[in-house]
C-alpha cells in the first residue's frame, strides 16, 4: 500500500514538473517570437531613409522646380506630379514625426 502511494506521489510530482517545463517552453517561444519581430522592425528602420523636415522641404523644392522645367507643355501632368510630390513630402514628414514620437510619448 505504501509503495502505491509513493508511486502515485512520484507520478503526480513528474506531472507537475512536466507542466512547469512545458509552460516555460511556451513562454520562451513567445518571447523569442517577440524578440525576432522587434529585431526585424529595427532592421527595417535602419534601411529606411530618414529625412528631417528641412531635408524633405529642400528635396521637394528641387523636385517642383524640375517638374516646372520639364512639363511646361503639359499642365495636367505638371499638376499631377506636383500633387504627388507634395503628398510624398507630407508622408515623409509625418513618418519622421511618428518615428520620434515614441521617444517623447513612450506610453503610446
PDB file of N, CA and C in Angstrom:
ATOM      1  N   UNK A   1       0.816  -1.184   0.000  1.00  0.00           N
ATOM      2  CA  UNK A   1       0.000   0.000   0.000  1.00  0.00           C
ATOM      3  C   UNK A   1       0.869   1.261   0.000  1.00  0.00           C
ATOM      4  N   UNK A   2       1.913   1.231   0.758  1.00  0.00           N
ATOM      5  CA  UNK A   2       2.835   2.360   0.841  1.00  0.00           C
ATOM      6  C   UNK A   2       3.537   2.575  -0.495  1.00  0.00           C
ATOM      7  N   UNK A   3       3.833   1.464  -1.177  1.00  0.00           N
ATOM      8  CA  UNK A   3       4.508   1.570  -2.465  1.00  0.00           C
ATOM      9  C   UNK A   3       3.588   2.225  -3.505  1.00  0.00           C
ATOM     10  N   UNK A   4       2.306   1.934  -3.448  1.00  0.00           N
ATOM     11  CA  UNK A   4       1.357   2.530  -4.390  1.00  0.00           C
ATOM     12  C   UNK A   4       1.252   4.032  -4.132  1.00  0.00           C
ATOM     13  N   UNK A   5       1.229   4.435  -2.866  1.00  0.00           N
ATOM     14  CA  UNK A   5       1.161   5.855  -2.514  1.00  0.00           C
ATOM     15  C   UNK A   5       2.420   6.578  -2.991  1.00  0.00           C
ATOM     16  N   UNK A   6       3.564   5.943  -2.826  1.00  0.00           N
ATOM     17  CA  UNK A   6       4.820   6.540  -3.289  1.00  0.00           C
ATOM     18  C   UNK A   6       4.812   6.650  -4.808  1.00  0.00           C
ATOM     19  N   UNK A   7       4.352   5.597  -5.456  1.00  0.00           N
ATOM     20  CA  UNK A   7       4.286   5.595  -6.914  1.00  0.00           C
ATOM     21  C   UNK A   7       3.340   6.688  -7.425  1.00  0.00           C
ATOM     22  N   UNK A   8       2.180   6.838  -6.799  1.00  0.00           N
ATOM     23  CA  UNK A   8       1.231   7.890  -7.176  1.00  0.00           C
ATOM     24  C   UNK A   8       1.855   9.261  -6.913  1.00  0.00           C
ATOM     25  N   UNK A   9       2.533   9.412  -5.811  1.00  0.00           N
ATOM     26  CA  UNK A   9       3.202  10.678  -5.490  1.00  0.00           C
ATOM     27  C   UNK A   9       4.268  11.026  -6.513  1.00  0.00           C
ATOM     28  N   UNK A  10       5.049  10.055  -6.924  1.00  0.00           N
ATOM     29  CA  UNK A  10       6.094  10.280  -7.927  1.00  0.00           C
ATOM     30  C   UNK A  10       5.458  10.660  -9.269  1.00  0.00           C
ATOM     31  N   UNK A  11       4.384   9.975  -9.647  1.00  0.00           N
ATOM     32  CA  UNK A  11       3.706  10.284 -10.911  1.00  0.00           C
ATOM     33  C   UNK A  11       3.149  11.707 -10.870  1.00  0.00           C
ATOM     34  N   UNK A  12       2.518  12.078  -9.760  1.00  0.00           N
ATOM     35  CA  UNK A  12       1.972  13.433  -9.623  1.00  0.00           C
ATOM     36  C   UNK A  12       3.107  14.458  -9.675  1.00  0.00           C
ATOM     37  N   UNK A  13       4.208  14.173  -8.988  1.00  0.00           N
ATOM     38  CA  UNK A  13       5.361  15.070  -8.994  1.00  0.00           C
ATOM     39  C   UNK A  13       5.933  15.221 -10.403  1.00  0.00           C
ATOM     40  N   UNK A  14       6.029  14.117 -11.131  1.00  0.00           N
ATOM     41  CA  UNK A  14       6.532  14.165 -12.504  1.00  0.00           C
ATOM     42  C   UNK A  14       5.585  14.956 -13.407  1.00  0.00           C
ATOM     43  N   UNK A  15       4.286  14.788 -13.199  1.00  0.00           N
ATOM     44  CA  UNK A  15       3.310  15.565 -13.970  1.00  0.00           C
ATOM     45  C   UNK A  15       3.447  17.064 -13.713  1.00  0.00           C
ATOM     46  N   UNK A  16       3.623  17.427 -12.462  1.00  0.00           N
ATOM     47  CA  UNK A  16       3.788  18.840 -12.106  1.00  0.00           C
ATOM     48  C   UNK A  16       5.061  19.397 -12.738  1.00  0.00           C
ATOM     49  N   UNK A  17       6.140  18.646 -12.675  1.00  0.00           N
ATOM     50  CA  UNK A  17       7.403  19.084 -13.289  1.00  0.00           C
ATOM     51  C   UNK A  17       7.230  19.226 -14.796  1.00  0.00           C
ATOM     52  N   UNK A  18       6.561  18.272 -15.422  1.00  0.00           N
ATOM     53  CA  UNK A  18       6.342  18.324 -16.867  1.00  0.00           C
ATOM     54  C   UNK A  18       5.511  19.548 -17.263  1.00  0.00           C
ATOM     55  N   UNK A  19       4.476  19.880 -16.462  1.00  0.00           N
ATOM     56  CA  UNK A  19       3.636  21.054 -16.736  1.00  0.00           C
ATOM     57  C   UNK A  19       4.464  22.325 -16.629  1.00  0.00           C
ATOM     58  N   UNK A  20       5.299  22.442 -15.618  1.00  0.00           N
ATOM     59  CA  UNK A  20       6.145  23.630 -15.471  1.00  0.00           C
ATOM     60  C   UNK A  20       7.115  23.774 -16.627  1.00  0.00           C
ATOM     61  N   UNK A  21       7.719  22.692 -17.034  1.00  0.00           N
ATOM     62  CA  UNK A  21       8.693  22.744 -18.128  1.00  0.00           C
ATOM     63  C   UNK A  21       8.012  23.104 -19.447  1.00  0.00           C
ATOM     64  N   UNK A  22       6.884  22.474 -19.733  1.00  0.00           N
ATOM     65  CA  UNK A  22       6.199  22.777 -20.999  1.00  0.00           C
ATOM     66  C   UNK A  22       5.678  24.211 -21.010  1.00  0.00           C
ATOM     67  N   UNK A  23       5.197  24.681 -19.871  1.00  0.00           N
ATOM     68  CA  UNK A  23       4.724  26.059 -19.778  1.00  0.00           C
ATOM     69  C   UNK A  23       5.880  27.030 -19.992  1.00  0.00           C
ATOM     70  N   UNK A  24       7.010  26.728 -19.432  1.00  0.00           N
ATOM     71  CA  UNK A  24       8.197  27.571 -19.584  1.00  0.00           C
ATOM     72  C   UNK A  24       8.640  27.619 -21.046  1.00  0.00           C
ATOM     73  N   UNK A  25       8.579  26.474 -21.724  1.00  0.00           N
ATOM     74  CA  UNK A  25       8.974  26.430 -23.131  1.00  0.00           C
ATOM     75  C   UNK A  25       8.048  27.291 -23.986  1.00  0.00           C
ATOM     76  N   UNK A  26       6.751  27.241 -23.701  1.00  0.00           N
ATOM     77  CA  UNK A  26       5.820  28.054 -24.495  1.00  0.00           C
ATOM     78  C   UNK A  26       6.074  29.542 -24.254  1.00  0.00           C
ATOM     79  N   UNK A  27       6.379  29.922 -23.015  1.00  0.00           N
ATOM     80  CA  UNK A  27       6.699  31.320 -22.722  1.00  0.00           C
ATOM     81  C   UNK A  27       7.992  31.730 -23.417  1.00  0.00           C
ATOM     82  N   UNK A  28       8.968  30.848 -23.433  1.00  0.00           N
ATOM     83  CA  UNK A  28      10.227  31.152 -24.110  1.00  0.00           C
ATOM     84  C   UNK A  28      10.010  31.287 -25.617  1.00  0.00           C
ATOM     85  N   UNK A  29       9.175  30.437 -26.188  1.00  0.00           N
ATOM     86  CA  UNK A  29       8.883  30.541 -27.622  1.00  0.00           C
ATOM     87  C   UNK A  29       8.198  31.864 -27.950  1.00  0.00           C
ATOM     88  N   UNK A  30       7.260  32.278 -27.117  1.00  0.00           N
ATOM     89  CA  UNK A  30       6.584  33.556 -27.334  1.00  0.00           C
ATOM     90  C   UNK A  30       7.577  34.714 -27.209  1.00  0.00           C
ATOM     91  N   UNK A  31       8.463  34.640 -26.233  1.00  0.00           N
ATOM     92  CA  UNK A  31       9.462  35.686 -26.055  1.00  0.00           C
ATOM     93  C   UNK A  31      10.418  35.732 -27.246  1.00  0.00           C
ATOM     94  N   UNK A  32      10.799  34.569 -27.754  1.00  0.00           N
ATOM     95  CA  UNK A  32      11.673  34.520 -28.926  1.00  0.00           C
ATOM     96  C   UNK A  32      10.986  35.131 -30.146  1.00  0.00           C
ATOM     97  N   UNK A  33       9.707  34.828 -30.340  1.00  0.00           N
ATOM     98  CA  UNK A  33       8.962  35.396 -31.462  1.00  0.00           C
ATOM     99  C   UNK A  33       8.874  36.912 -31.344  1.00  0.00           C
ATOM    100  N   UNK A  34       8.619  37.404 -30.140  1.00  0.00           N
ATOM    101  CA  UNK A  34       8.549  38.848 -29.913  1.00  0.00           C
ATOM    102  C   UNK A  34       9.897  39.498 -30.185  1.00  0.00           C
ATOM    103  N   UNK A  35      10.967  38.866 -29.747  1.00  0.00           N
ATOM    104  CA  UNK A  35      12.309  39.386 -29.977  1.00  0.00           C
ATOM    105  C   UNK A  35      12.621  39.437 -31.466  1.00  0.00           C
ATOM    106  N   UNK A  36      12.296  38.381 -32.200  1.00  0.00           N
ATOM    107  CA  UNK A  36      12.533  38.359 -33.646  1.00  0.00           C
ATOM    108  C   UNK A  36      11.749  39.465 -34.344  1.00  0.00           C
ATOM    109  N   UNK A  37      10.513  39.679 -33.919  1.00  0.00           N
ATOM    110  CA  UNK A  37       9.678  40.722 -34.508  1.00  0.00           C
ATOM    111  C   UNK A  37      10.291  42.099 -34.265  1.00  0.00           C
ATOM    112  N   UNK A  38      10.750  42.344 -33.047  1.00  0.00           N
ATOM    113  CA  UNK A  38      11.355  43.635 -32.726  1.00  0.00           C
ATOM    114  C   UNK A  38      12.663  43.837 -33.488  1.00  0.00           C
ATOM    115  N   UNK A  39      13.462  42.790 -33.613  1.00  0.00           N
ATOM    116  CA  UNK A  39      14.717  42.906 -34.353  1.00  0.00           C
ATOM    117  C   UNK A  39      14.465  43.173 -35.835  1.00  0.00           C
ATOM    118  N   UNK A  40      13.457  42.521 -36.404  1.00  0.00           N
ATOM    119  CA  UNK A  40      13.154  42.770 -37.815  1.00  0.00           C
ATOM    120  C   UNK A  40      12.645  44.195 -38.014  1.00  0.00           C
ATOM    121  N   UNK A  41      11.884  44.707 -37.054  1.00  0.00           N
ATOM    122  CA  UNK A  41      11.407  46.085 -37.146  1.00  0.00           C
ATOM    123  C   UNK A  41      12.575  47.065 -37.060  1.00  0.00           C
ATOM    124  N   UNK A  42      13.543  46.785 -36.198  1.00  0.00           N
ATOM    125  CA  UNK A  42      14.722  47.650 -36.095  1.00  0.00           C
ATOM    126  C   UNK A  42      15.523  47.619 -37.392  1.00  0.00           C
ATOM    127  N   UNK A  43      15.627  46.456 -38.003  1.00  0.00           N
ATOM    128  CA  UNK A  43      16.343  46.344 -39.280  1.00  0.00           C
ATOM    129  C   UNK A  43      15.630  47.151 -40.367  1.00  0.00           C
ATOM    130  N   UNK A  44      14.315  47.106 -40.362  1.00  0.00           N
ATOM    131  CA  UNK A  44      13.559  47.894 -41.337  1.00  0.00           C
ATOM    132  C   UNK A  44      13.795  49.382 -41.117  1.00  0.00           C
ATOM    133  N   UNK A  45      13.859  49.808 -39.863  1.00  0.00           N
ATOM    134  CA  UNK A  45      14.124  51.210 -39.568  1.00  0.00           C
ATOM    135  C   UNK A  45      15.516  51.615 -40.039  1.00  0.00           C
ATOM    136  N   UNK A  46      16.487  50.710 -39.895  1.00  0.00           N
ATOM    137  CA  UNK A  46      17.840  51.024 -40.341  1.00  0.00           C
ATOM    138  C   UNK A  46      17.888  51.212 -41.848  1.00  0.00           C
ATOM    139  N   UNK A  47      17.109  50.424 -42.576  1.00  0.00           N
ATOM    140  CA  UNK A  47      17.100  50.508 -44.036  1.00  0.00           C
ATOM    141  C   UNK A  47      16.309  51.710 -44.535  1.00  0.00           C
ATOM    142  N   UNK A  48      15.399  52.187 -43.721  1.00  0.00           N
ATOM    143  CA  UNK A  48      14.544  53.294 -44.130  1.00  0.00           C
ATOM    144  C   UNK A  48      15.361  54.581 -44.197  1.00  0.00           C
ATOM    145  N   UNK A  49      15.134  55.350 -45.244  1.00  0.00           N
ATOM    146  CA  UNK A  49      15.841  56.614 -45.400  1.00  0.00           C
ATOM    147  C   UNK A  49      15.075  57.677 -44.624  1.00  0.00           C
ATOM    148  N   UNK A  50      15.648  58.099 -43.513  1.00  0.00           N
ATOM    149  CA  UNK A  50      15.013  59.077 -42.645  1.00  0.00           C
ATOM    150  C   UNK A  50      15.540  60.458 -43.006  1.00  0.00           C
ATOM    151  N   UNK A  51      14.615  61.378 -43.221  1.00  0.00           N
ATOM    152  CA  UNK A  51      14.986  62.749 -43.541  1.00  0.00           C
ATOM    153  C   UNK A  51      14.289  63.693 -42.577  1.00  0.00           C
ATOM    154  N   UNK A  52      14.982  64.750 -42.231  1.00  0.00           N
ATOM    155  CA  UNK A  52      14.383  65.750 -41.360  1.00  0.00           C
ATOM    156  C   UNK A  52      13.437  66.632 -42.166  1.00  0.00           C
ATOM    157  N   UNK A  53      12.735  67.491 -41.469  1.00  0.00           N
ATOM    158  CA  UNK A  53      11.786  68.391 -42.122  1.00  0.00           C
ATOM    159  C   UNK A  53      12.495  69.257 -43.160  1.00  0.00           C
ATOM    160  N   UNK A  54      13.637  69.793 -42.797  1.00  0.00           N
ATOM    161  CA  UNK A  54      14.389  70.657 -43.706  1.00  0.00           C
ATOM    162  C   UNK A  54      14.858  69.923 -44.956  1.00  0.00           C
ATOM    163  N   UNK A  55      15.329  68.701 -44.784  1.00  0.00           N
ATOM    164  CA  UNK A  55      15.785  67.913 -45.931  1.00  0.00           C
ATOM    165  C   UNK A  55      14.622  67.615 -46.877  1.00  0.00           C
ATOM    166  N   UNK A  56      13.478  67.264 -46.332  1.00  0.00           N
ATOM    167  CA  UNK A  56      12.301  66.975 -47.150  1.00  0.00           C
ATOM    168  C   UNK A  56      11.885  68.222 -47.925  1.00  0.00           C
ATOM    169  N   UNK A  57      11.888  69.362 -47.256  1.00  0.00           N
ATOM    170  CA  UNK A  57      11.483  70.604 -47.926  1.00  0.00           C
ATOM    171  C   UNK A  57      12.452  70.966 -49.043  1.00  0.00           C
ATOM    172  N   UNK A  58      13.733  70.748 -48.834  1.00  0.00           N
ATOM    173  CA  UNK A  58      14.729  71.049 -49.861  1.00  0.00           C
ATOM    174  C   UNK A  58      14.550  70.154 -51.086  1.00  0.00           C
ATOM    175  N   UNK A  59      14.376  68.862 -50.870  1.00  0.00           N
ATOM    176  CA  UNK A  59      14.170  67.930 -51.984  1.00  0.00           C
ATOM    177  C   UNK A  59      12.852  68.242 -52.690  1.00  0.00           C
ATOM    178  N   UNK A  60      11.835  68.569 -51.921  1.00  0.00           N
ATOM    179  CA  UNK A  60      10.533  68.914 -52.503  1.00  0.00           C
ATOM    180  C   UNK A  60      10.671  70.130 -53.410  1.00  0.00           C
ATOM    181  N   UNK A  61      11.388  71.132 -52.934  1.00  0.00           N
ATOM    182  CA  UNK A  61      11.590  72.347 -53.726  1.00  0.00           C
ATOM    183  C   UNK A  61      12.338  72.041 -55.023  1.00  0.00           C
ATOM    184  N   UNK A  62      13.374  71.226 -54.933  1.00  0.00           N
ATOM    185  CA  UNK A  62      14.144  70.854 -56.122  1.00  0.00           C
ATOM    186  C   UNK A  62      13.279  70.084 -57.120  1.00  0.00           C
ATOM    187  N   UNK A  63      12.491  69.155 -56.616  1.00  0.00           N
ATOM    188  CA  UNK A  63      11.635  68.370 -57.498  1.00  0.00           C
ATOM    189  C   UNK A  63      10.572  69.233 -58.185  1.00  0.00           C
ATOM    190  N   UNK A  64       9.992  70.156 -57.445  1.00  0.00           N
ATOM    191  CA  UNK A  64       8.969  71.024 -58.030  1.00  0.00           C
ATOM    192  C   UNK A  64       9.563  71.901 -59.132  1.00  0.00           C
ATOM    193  N   UNK A  65      10.782  72.392 -58.909  1.00  0.00           N
ATOM    194  CA  UNK A  65      11.446  73.200 -59.934  1.00  0.00           C
ATOM    195  C   UNK A  65      11.689  72.358 -61.184  1.00  0.00           C
ATOM    196  N   UNK A  66      12.169  71.145 -60.989  1.00  0.00           N
ATOM    197  CA  UNK A  66      12.419  70.256 -62.140  1.00  0.00           C
ATOM    198  C   UNK A  66      11.142  69.949 -62.909  1.00  0.00           C
ATOM    199  N   UNK A  67      10.058  69.698 -62.185  1.00  0.00           N
ATOM    200  CA  UNK A  67       8.780  69.392 -62.831  1.00  0.00           C
ATOM    201  C   UNK A  67       8.312  70.598 -63.649  1.00  0.00           C
ATOM    202  N   UNK A  68       8.450  71.797 -63.071  1.00  0.00           N
ATOM    203  CA  UNK A  68       8.047  73.003 -63.805  1.00  0.00           C
ATOM    204  C   UNK A  68       8.868  73.181 -65.075  1.00  0.00           C
ATOM    205  N   UNK A  69      10.160  72.850 -64.991  1.00  0.00           N
ATOM    206  CA  UNK A  69      11.033  72.980 -66.169  1.00  0.00           C
ATOM    207  C   UNK A  69      10.673  71.957 -67.246  1.00  0.00           C
ATOM    208  N   UNK A  70      10.456  70.727 -66.861  1.00  0.00           N
ATOM    209  CA  UNK A  70      10.286  69.633 -67.824  1.00  0.00           C
ATOM    210  C   UNK A  70       8.878  69.530 -68.394  1.00  0.00           C
ATOM    211  N   UNK A  71       7.878  69.950 -67.660  1.00  0.00           N
ATOM    212  CA  UNK A  71       6.495  69.740 -68.089  1.00  0.00           C
ATOM    213  C   UNK A  71       5.764  71.051 -68.357  1.00  0.00           C
ATOM    214  N   UNK A  72       6.455  72.003 -68.977  1.00  0.00           N
ATOM    215  CA  UNK A  72       5.803  73.271 -69.315  1.00  0.00           C
ATOM    216  C   UNK A  72       4.688  73.068 -70.337  1.00  0.00           C
ATOM    217  N   UNK A  73       4.863  72.095 -71.208  1.00  0.00           N
ATOM    218  CA  UNK A  73       3.915  71.874 -72.298  1.00  0.00           C
ATOM    219  C   UNK A  73       2.642  71.131 -71.874  1.00  0.00           C
ATOM    220  N   UNK A  74       2.706  70.393 -70.784  1.00  0.00           N
ATOM    221  CA  UNK A  74       1.522  69.635 -70.367  1.00  0.00           C
ATOM    222  C   UNK A  74       1.170  69.971 -68.916  1.00  0.00           C
ATOM    223  N   UNK A  75       0.278  70.942 -68.734  1.00  0.00           N
ATOM    224  CA  UNK A  75      -0.068  71.390 -67.371  1.00  0.00           C
ATOM    225  C   UNK A  75      -0.782  70.328 -66.534  1.00  0.00           C
ATOM    226  N   UNK A  76      -1.493  69.391 -67.180  1.00  0.00           N
ATOM    227  CA  UNK A  76      -2.177  68.347 -66.404  1.00  0.00           C
ATOM    228  C   UNK A  76      -1.162  67.432 -65.722  1.00  0.00           C
ATOM    229  N   UNK A  77      -0.166  67.040 -66.491  1.00  0.00           N
ATOM    230  CA  UNK A  77       0.870  66.170 -65.913  1.00  0.00           C
ATOM    231  C   UNK A  77       1.681  66.912 -64.865  1.00  0.00           C
ATOM    232  N   UNK A  78       1.938  68.194 -65.112  1.00  0.00           N
ATOM    233  CA  UNK A  78       2.676  69.004 -64.138  1.00  0.00           C
ATOM    234  C   UNK A  78       1.902  69.089 -62.824  1.00  0.00           C
ATOM    235  N   UNK A  79       0.609  69.336 -62.919  1.00  0.00           N
ATOM    236  CA  UNK A  79      -0.220  69.439 -61.707  1.00  0.00           C
ATOM    237  C   UNK A  79      -0.260  68.110 -60.965  1.00  0.00           C
ATOM    238  N   UNK A  80      -0.379  67.025 -61.719  1.00  0.00           N
ATOM    239  CA  UNK A  80      -0.415  65.703 -61.091  1.00  0.00           C
ATOM    240  C   UNK A  80       0.899  65.379 -60.392  1.00  0.00           C
ATOM    241  N   UNK A  81       2.007  65.648 -61.038  1.00  0.00           N
ATOM    242  CA  UNK A  81       3.320  65.392 -60.415  1.00  0.00           C
ATOM    243  C   UNK A  81       3.549  66.272 -59.198  1.00  0.00           C
ATOM    244  N   UNK A  82       3.112  67.513 -59.259  1.00  0.00           N
ATOM    245  CA  UNK A  82       3.248  68.394 -58.089  1.00  0.00           C
ATOM    246  C   UNK A  82       2.431  67.861 -56.915  1.00  0.00           C
ATOM    247  N   UNK A  83       1.245  67.369 -57.200  1.00  0.00           N
ATOM    248  CA  UNK A  83       0.412  66.790 -56.142  1.00  0.00           C
ATOM    249  C   UNK A  83       1.088  65.564 -55.534  1.00  0.00           C
ATOM    250  N   UNK A  84       1.658  64.725 -56.389  1.00  0.00           N
ATOM    251  CA  UNK A  84       2.357  63.530 -55.903  1.00  0.00           C
ATOM    252  C   UNK A  84       3.562  63.918 -55.044  1.00  0.00           C
ATOM    253  N   UNK A  85       4.305  64.918 -55.482  1.00  0.00           N
ATOM    254  CA  UNK A  85       5.482  65.367 -54.719  1.00  0.00           C
ATOM    255  C   UNK A  85       5.050  65.933 -53.376  1.00  0.00           C
ATOM    256  N   UNK A  86       3.989  66.724 -53.359  1.00  0.00           N
ATOM    257  CA  UNK A  86       3.502  67.290 -52.093  1.00  0.00           C
ATOM    258  C   UNK A  86       3.022  66.194 -51.141  1.00  0.00           C
ATOM    259  N   UNK A  87       2.331  65.192 -51.680  1.00  0.00           N
ATOM    260  CA  UNK A  87       1.884  64.068 -50.843  1.00  0.00           C
ATOM    261  C   UNK A  87       3.082  63.293 -50.291  1.00  0.00           C
ATOM    262  N   UNK A  88       4.075  63.068 -51.137  1.00  0.00           N
ATOM    263  CA  UNK A  88       5.290  62.359 -50.693  1.00  0.00           C
ATOM    264  C   UNK A  88       5.959  63.120 -49.555  1.00  0.00           C
ATOM    265  N   UNK A  89       6.090  64.439 -49.726  1.00  0.00           N
ATOM    266  CA  UNK A  89       6.744  65.261 -48.696  1.00  0.00           C
ATOM    267  C   UNK A  89       5.963  65.193 -47.386  1.00  0.00           C
ATOM    268  N   UNK A  90       4.645  65.259 -47.490  1.00  0.00           N
ATOM    269  CA  UNK A  90       3.810  65.193 -46.286  1.00  0.00           C
ATOM    270  C   UNK A  90       3.974  63.850 -45.578  1.00  0.00           C
ATOM    271  N   UNK A  91       4.012  62.754 -46.341  1.00  0.00           N
ATOM    272  CA  UNK A  91       4.182  61.429 -45.743  1.00  0.00           C
ATOM    273  C   UNK A  91       5.551  61.279 -45.086  1.00  0.00           C
ATOM    274  N   UNK A  92       6.583  61.797 -45.730  1.00  0.00           N
ATOM    275  CA  UNK A  92       7.935  61.713 -45.155  1.00  0.00           C
ATOM    276  C   UNK A  92       8.018  62.482 -43.840  1.00  0.00           C
ATOM    277  N   UNK A  93       7.428  63.651 -43.825  1.00  0.00           N
ATOM    278  CA  UNK A  93       7.451  64.463 -42.597  1.00  0.00           C
ATOM    279  C   UNK A  93       6.660  63.770 -41.500  1.00  0.00           C
ATOM    280  N   UNK A  94       5.495  63.225 -41.847  1.00  0.00           N
ATOM    281  CA  UNK A  94       4.674  62.533 -40.854  1.00  0.00           C
ATOM    282  C   UNK A  94       5.407  61.304 -40.304  1.00  0.00           C
ATOM    283  N   UNK A  95       6.064  60.546 -41.180  1.00  0.00           N
ATOM    284  CA  UNK A  95       6.776  59.355 -40.711  1.00  0.00           C
ATOM    285  C   UNK A  95       7.944  59.737 -39.810  1.00  0.00           C
ATOM    286  N   UNK A  96       8.597  60.844 -40.119  1.00  0.00           N
ATOM    287  CA  UNK A  96       9.685  61.319 -39.262  1.00  0.00           C
ATOM    288  C   UNK A  96       9.150  61.705 -37.889  1.00  0.00           C
ATOM    289  N   UNK A  97       8.024  62.402 -37.860  1.00  0.00           N
ATOM    290  CA  UNK A  97       7.442  62.820 -36.584  1.00  0.00           C
ATOM    291  C   UNK A  97       6.945  61.624 -35.779  1.00  0.00           C
ATOM    292  N   UNK A  98       6.312  60.658 -36.453  1.00  0.00           N
ATOM    293  CA  UNK A  98       5.803  59.482 -35.747  1.00  0.00           C
ATOM    294  C   UNK A  98       6.937  58.613 -35.232  1.00  0.00           C
ATOM    295  N   UNK A  99       8.008  58.541 -35.974  1.00  0.00           N
ATOM    296  CA  UNK A  99       9.163  57.746 -35.545  1.00  0.00           C
ATOM    297  C   UNK A  99       9.755  58.325 -34.273  1.00  0.00           C
ATOM    298  N   UNK A 100       9.767  59.626 -34.174  1.00  0.00           N
ATOM    299  CA  UNK A 100      10.324  60.276 -32.988  1.00  0.00           C
ATOM    300  C   UNK A 100       9.327  60.358 -31.842  1.00  0.00           C
ATOM    301  N   UNK A 101       8.031  60.205 -32.123  1.00  0.00           N
ATOM    302  CA  UNK A 101       7.019  60.398 -31.089  1.00  0.00           C
ATOM    303  C   UNK A 101       7.110  59.362 -29.986  1.00  0.00           C
ATOM    304  N   UNK A 102       7.574  58.158 -30.280  1.00  0.00           N
ATOM    305  CA  UNK A 102       7.657  57.137 -29.233  1.00  0.00           C
ATOM    306  C   UNK A 102       8.705  57.501 -28.195  1.00  0.00           C
ATOM    307  N   UNK A 103       9.650  58.371 -28.546  1.00  0.00           N
ATOM    308  CA  UNK A 103      10.654  58.804 -27.575  1.00  0.00           C
ATOM    309  C   UNK A 103      10.014  59.755 -26.577  1.00  0.00           C
ATOM    310  N   UNK A 104       9.183  60.658 -27.091  1.00  0.00           N
ATOM    311  CA  UNK A 104       8.551  61.629 -26.211  1.00  0.00           C
ATOM    312  C   UNK A 104       7.347  61.078 -25.487  1.00  0.00           C
ATOM    313  N   UNK A 105       6.637  60.148 -26.109  1.00  0.00           N
ATOM    314  CA  UNK A 105       5.437  59.567 -25.503  1.00  0.00           C
ATOM    315  C   UNK A 105       5.551  58.038 -25.548  1.00  0.00           C
ATOM    316  N   UNK A 106       6.347  57.455 -24.659  1.00  0.00           N
ATOM    317  CA  UNK A 106       6.533  56.006 -24.715  1.00  0.00           C
ATOM    318  C   UNK A 106       5.288  55.199 -24.384  1.00  0.00           C
ATOM    319  N   UNK A 107       4.280  55.809 -23.775  1.00  0.00           N
ATOM    320  CA  UNK A 107       3.078  55.052 -23.410  1.00  0.00           C
ATOM    321  C   UNK A 107       2.249  54.694 -24.625  1.00  0.00           C
ATOM    322  N   UNK A 108       2.421  55.342 -25.761  1.00  0.00           N
ATOM    323  CA  UNK A 108       1.622  55.025 -26.959  1.00  0.00           C
ATOM    324  C   UNK A 108       2.225  53.887 -27.713  1.00  0.00           C
TER     325      UNK A 108
END
